[in-house]
């Protein structure tokens, strides 16, 4: 997975959760209890979409200082609606970044449990699962040697997001489908994942 350089210095509470190693299934209800749930407020959904578009869908990372500041503002504002989803997403990001920085493997159970919760919560609150959740869930399942489940997640994600380059890449790596390969080479040859996996 692409290493992201987001700053999480504002995530003091998240660090405590991540270091103490309790199950995310135990932690999450407490996080959710502190959140104001509002199905009509799409701020967090839009942020996850922006994160996806600028980090995963774009040819190269396009996150700006303004994007980072928006995340900081949302996290530090107690009135942010549906903040439990954002907090859980950032906990996931932090865990992946920290383990990668020290050359360790991420906690597979944490990855899969977190993605399952995010999938369920985003669908319940927003009525739709963001593309980034499909991608991260597929990666988590693949890391956990659950190849069939990972492939099913990619296939389901492509039904929702047929133009998703990362999902196309994972679909090609799973199936070796020449039509997907030709599309990636013809239309997305400069994308960082196409280059990373040397698809040509």
Protein backbone atom coordinates (compact mmCIF):
# COMPACT_ATOMS: atom_id res chain seq x y z
CA UNK A 1 0.00 0.00 0.00
CA UNK A 2 1.21 3.50 -0.71
CA UNK A 3 2.92 5.15 2.23
CA UNK A 4 1.05 8.30 3.14
CA UNK A 5 2.71 11.23 4.85
CA UNK A 6 -0.27 12.55 6.77
CA UNK A 7 0.59 14.20 10.08
CA UNK A 8 -1.14 12.66 13.05
CA UNK A 9 0.43 14.71 15.81
CA UNK A 10 -3.07 15.80 16.78
CA UNK A 11 -4.01 12.19 17.43
CA UNK A 12 -2.84 11.89 21.04
CA UNK A 13 -5.88 9.94 22.15
CA UNK A 14 -5.62 7.67 19.15
CA UNK A 15 -2.01 6.89 20.02
CA UNK A 16 -3.07 5.77 23.46
CA UNK A 17 -5.67 3.46 21.98
CA UNK A 18 -3.24 2.03 19.45
CA UNK A 19 -0.46 1.44 22.01
CA UNK A 20 -2.60 -0.26 24.64
CA UNK A 21 -3.64 -2.94 22.11
CA UNK A 22 -7.21 -3.52 23.25
CA UNK A 23 -9.53 -4.96 20.65
CA UNK A 24 -10.99 -2.35 18.33
CA UNK A 25 -14.34 -4.05 18.89
CA UNK A 26 -14.05 -3.02 22.56
CA UNK A 27 -12.82 0.52 21.86
CA UNK A 28 -15.20 1.44 19.07
CA UNK A 29 -18.47 1.57 21.06
CA UNK A 30 -16.88 4.17 23.35
CA UNK A 31 -15.74 6.26 20.39
CA UNK A 32 -19.19 6.02 18.82
CA UNK A 33 -20.90 6.95 22.08
CA UNK A 34 -19.04 10.30 22.04
CA UNK A 35 -20.12 11.06 18.47
CA UNK A 36 -23.12 13.01 17.19
CA UNK A 37 -24.59 10.79 14.50
CA UNK A 38 -26.30 12.62 11.67
CA UNK A 39 -27.17 10.73 8.49
CA UNK A 40 -27.77 13.97 6.61
CA UNK A 41 -24.28 15.34 7.32
CA UNK A 42 -21.87 14.15 4.61
CA UNK A 43 -18.76 16.05 5.81
CA UNK A 44 -16.86 12.94 6.90
CA UNK A 45 -18.01 10.96 3.85
CA UNK A 46 -16.78 13.77 1.58
CA UNK A 47 -13.46 13.83 3.42
CA UNK A 48 -12.98 10.09 2.89
CA UNK A 49 -13.79 10.60 -0.79
CA UNK A 50 -11.27 13.42 -1.07
CA UNK A 51 -8.66 11.30 0.70
CA UNK A 52 -9.29 8.51 -1.80
CA UNK A 53 -9.25 10.76 -4.85
CA UNK A 54 -6.06 12.57 -3.86
CA UNK A 55 -4.08 9.63 -2.46
CA UNK A 56 -5.25 6.50 -4.23
CA UNK A 57 -7.05 7.48 -7.42
CA UNK A 58 -4.69 10.27 -8.49
CA UNK A 59 -1.55 9.42 -10.47
CA UNK A 60 0.55 10.85 -7.63
CA UNK A 61 -0.35 12.00 -4.13
CA UNK A 62 -2.14 15.36 -4.23
CA UNK A 63 -2.98 16.04 -0.58
CA UNK A 64 -2.47 19.71 0.23
CA UNK A 65 -1.78 21.56 3.48
CA UNK A 66 -5.40 22.74 3.27
CA UNK A 67 -6.61 19.13 3.23
CA UNK A 68 -4.53 18.36 6.31
CA UNK A 69 -5.85 21.46 8.06
CA UNK A 70 -9.41 20.39 7.30
CA UNK A 71 -8.77 17.03 8.97
CA UNK A 72 -7.23 18.78 11.97
CA UNK A 73 -10.19 21.13 12.23
CA UNK A 74 -12.74 18.33 12.08
CA UNK A 75 -10.94 16.21 14.65
CA UNK A 76 -10.46 19.08 17.08
CA UNK A 77 -14.05 20.34 16.77
CA UNK A 78 -16.31 18.50 19.24
CA UNK A 79 -19.36 19.42 17.17
CA UNK A 80 -18.17 17.46 14.12
CA UNK A 81 -20.93 15.06 13.14
CA UNK A 82 -20.13 11.38 12.62
CA UNK A 83 -16.63 11.93 13.99
CA UNK A 84 -16.45 8.32 15.16
CA UNK A 85 -16.00 7.23 11.54
CA UNK A 86 -13.22 9.74 10.98
CA UNK A 87 -11.51 8.79 14.25
CA UNK A 88 -11.58 5.09 13.38
CA UNK A 89 -10.28 5.78 9.89
CA UNK A 90 -7.42 7.86 11.29
CA UNK A 91 -6.60 5.18 13.87
CA UNK A 92 -6.27 2.76 10.97
CA UNK A 93 -4.07 5.15 9.01
CA UNK A 94 -1.90 5.78 12.04
CA UNK A 95 -1.44 2.08 12.74
CA UNK A 96 -0.43 1.35 9.13
CA UNK A 97 1.93 4.34 9.00
CA UNK A 98 3.60 3.59 12.33
CA UNK A 99 4.18 -0.09 11.62
CA UNK A 100 5.52 0.69 8.12
CA UNK A 101 7.85 3.36 9.53
CA UNK A 102 9.58 0.83 11.79
CA UNK A 103 9.45 -2.05 9.32
CA UNK A 104 6.88 -4.10 11.23
CA UNK A 105 3.88 -5.98 9.94
CA UNK A 106 0.54 -4.41 10.88
CA UNK A 107 -1.85 -6.18 13.23
CA UNK A 108 -4.04 -8.19 10.85
CA UNK A 109 -6.92 -8.62 13.30
CA UNK A 110 -6.98 -4.87 13.92
CA UNK A 111 -6.95 -4.19 10.17
CA UNK A 112 -9.77 -6.57 9.32
CA UNK A 113 -11.93 -5.68 12.33
CA UNK A 114 -11.50 -1.95 11.68
CA UNK A 115 -12.42 -2.27 8.02
CA UNK A 116 -15.45 -4.41 8.83
CA UNK A 117 -16.67 -1.78 11.28
CA UNK A 118 -16.02 1.07 8.85
CA UNK A 119 -17.81 -0.79 6.06
CA UNK A 120 -20.85 -1.37 8.26
CA UNK A 121 -20.93 2.13 9.76
CA UNK A 122 -20.48 4.04 6.51
CA UNK A 123 -23.19 1.97 4.84
CA UNK A 124 -25.57 2.51 7.76
CA UNK A 125 -24.97 6.24 8.14
CA UNK A 126 -24.21 7.39 4.59
CA UNK A 127 -26.05 4.70 2.63
CA UNK A 128 -22.90 3.99 0.65
CA UNK A 129 -19.47 2.54 1.34
CA UNK A 130 -16.63 4.86 0.26
CA UNK A 131 -14.22 3.48 -2.34
CA UNK A 132 -11.30 3.75 0.06
CA UNK A 133 -12.98 1.33 2.47
CA UNK A 134 -13.29 -1.31 -0.25
CA UNK A 135 -9.60 -0.87 -1.09
CA UNK A 136 -8.34 -0.97 2.49
CA UNK A 137 -10.59 -3.90 3.34
CA UNK A 138 -9.29 -5.87 0.34
CA UNK A 139 -5.72 -5.11 1.42
CA UNK A 140 -6.44 -6.14 5.01
CA UNK A 141 -8.01 -9.42 3.92
CA UNK A 142 -5.13 -10.12 1.54
CA UNK A 143 -2.67 -9.50 4.38
CA UNK A 144 -4.69 -11.92 6.50
CA UNK A 145 -4.37 -14.62 3.79
CA UNK A 146 -8.10 -14.42 3.07
CA UNK A 147 -7.64 -14.27 -0.67
CA UNK A 148 -11.17 -15.27 -1.68
CA UNK A 149 -12.73 -12.66 0.62
CA UNK A 150 -10.28 -10.06 -0.66
CA UNK A 151 -11.19 -10.84 -4.27
CA UNK A 152 -14.89 -10.67 -3.45
CA UNK A 153 -14.35 -7.27 -1.83
CA UNK A 154 -12.53 -6.00 -4.93
CA UNK A 155 -15.31 -7.31 -7.19
CA UNK A 156 -18.01 -5.71 -5.04
CA UNK A 157 -16.07 -2.43 -4.94
CA UNK A 158 -15.78 -2.40 -8.73
CA UNK A 159 -19.54 -2.73 -9.04
CA UNK A 160 -19.88 0.47 -7.00
CA UNK A 161 -16.81 2.23 -8.41
CA UNK A 162 -16.09 0.85 -11.91
CA UNK A 163 -13.56 3.66 -12.60
CA UNK A 164 -11.47 2.99 -9.49
CA UNK A 165 -7.89 2.49 -10.60
CA UNK A 166 -6.71 0.78 -7.38
CA UNK A 167 -9.60 -1.68 -7.56
CA UNK A 168 -8.84 -2.35 -11.21
CA UNK A 169 -5.20 -2.99 -10.31
CA UNK A 170 -6.15 -5.47 -7.59
CA UNK A 171 -8.68 -7.09 -9.90
CA UNK A 172 -6.02 -7.55 -12.58
CA UNK A 173 -3.51 -8.95 -10.05
CA UNK A 174 -6.17 -11.43 -8.93
CA UNK A 175 -7.51 -12.46 -12.33
CA UNK A 176 -4.80 -11.58 -14.88
CA UNK A 177 -7.68 -10.36 -17.07
CA UNK A 178 -6.14 -8.94 -20.25
CA UNK A 179 -8.98 -6.47 -20.78
CA UNK A 180 -8.25 -4.87 -17.39
CA UNK A 181 -4.51 -4.93 -18.09
CA UNK A 182 -4.98 -3.23 -21.45
CA UNK A 183 -7.21 -0.57 -19.88
CA UNK A 184 -4.62 0.14 -17.16
CA UNK A 185 -1.76 0.35 -19.65
CA UNK A 186 -3.69 2.46 -22.17
CA UNK A 187 -5.46 4.84 -19.80
CA UNK A 188 -3.59 4.78 -16.49
CA UNK A 189 0.05 3.99 -17.21
CA UNK A 190 1.26 6.90 -15.04
CA UNK A 191 -0.74 5.87 -12.00
CA UNK A 192 1.51 5.06 -9.04
CA UNK A 193 -0.02 1.60 -8.49
CA UNK A 194 0.29 0.61 -12.16
CA UNK A 195 3.95 1.57 -11.94
CA UNK A 196 4.48 0.00 -8.51
CA UNK A 197 3.17 -3.37 -9.72
CA UNK A 198 5.00 -2.97 -13.03
CA UNK A 199 1.92 -3.55 -15.14
CA UNK A 200 2.93 -3.28 -18.77
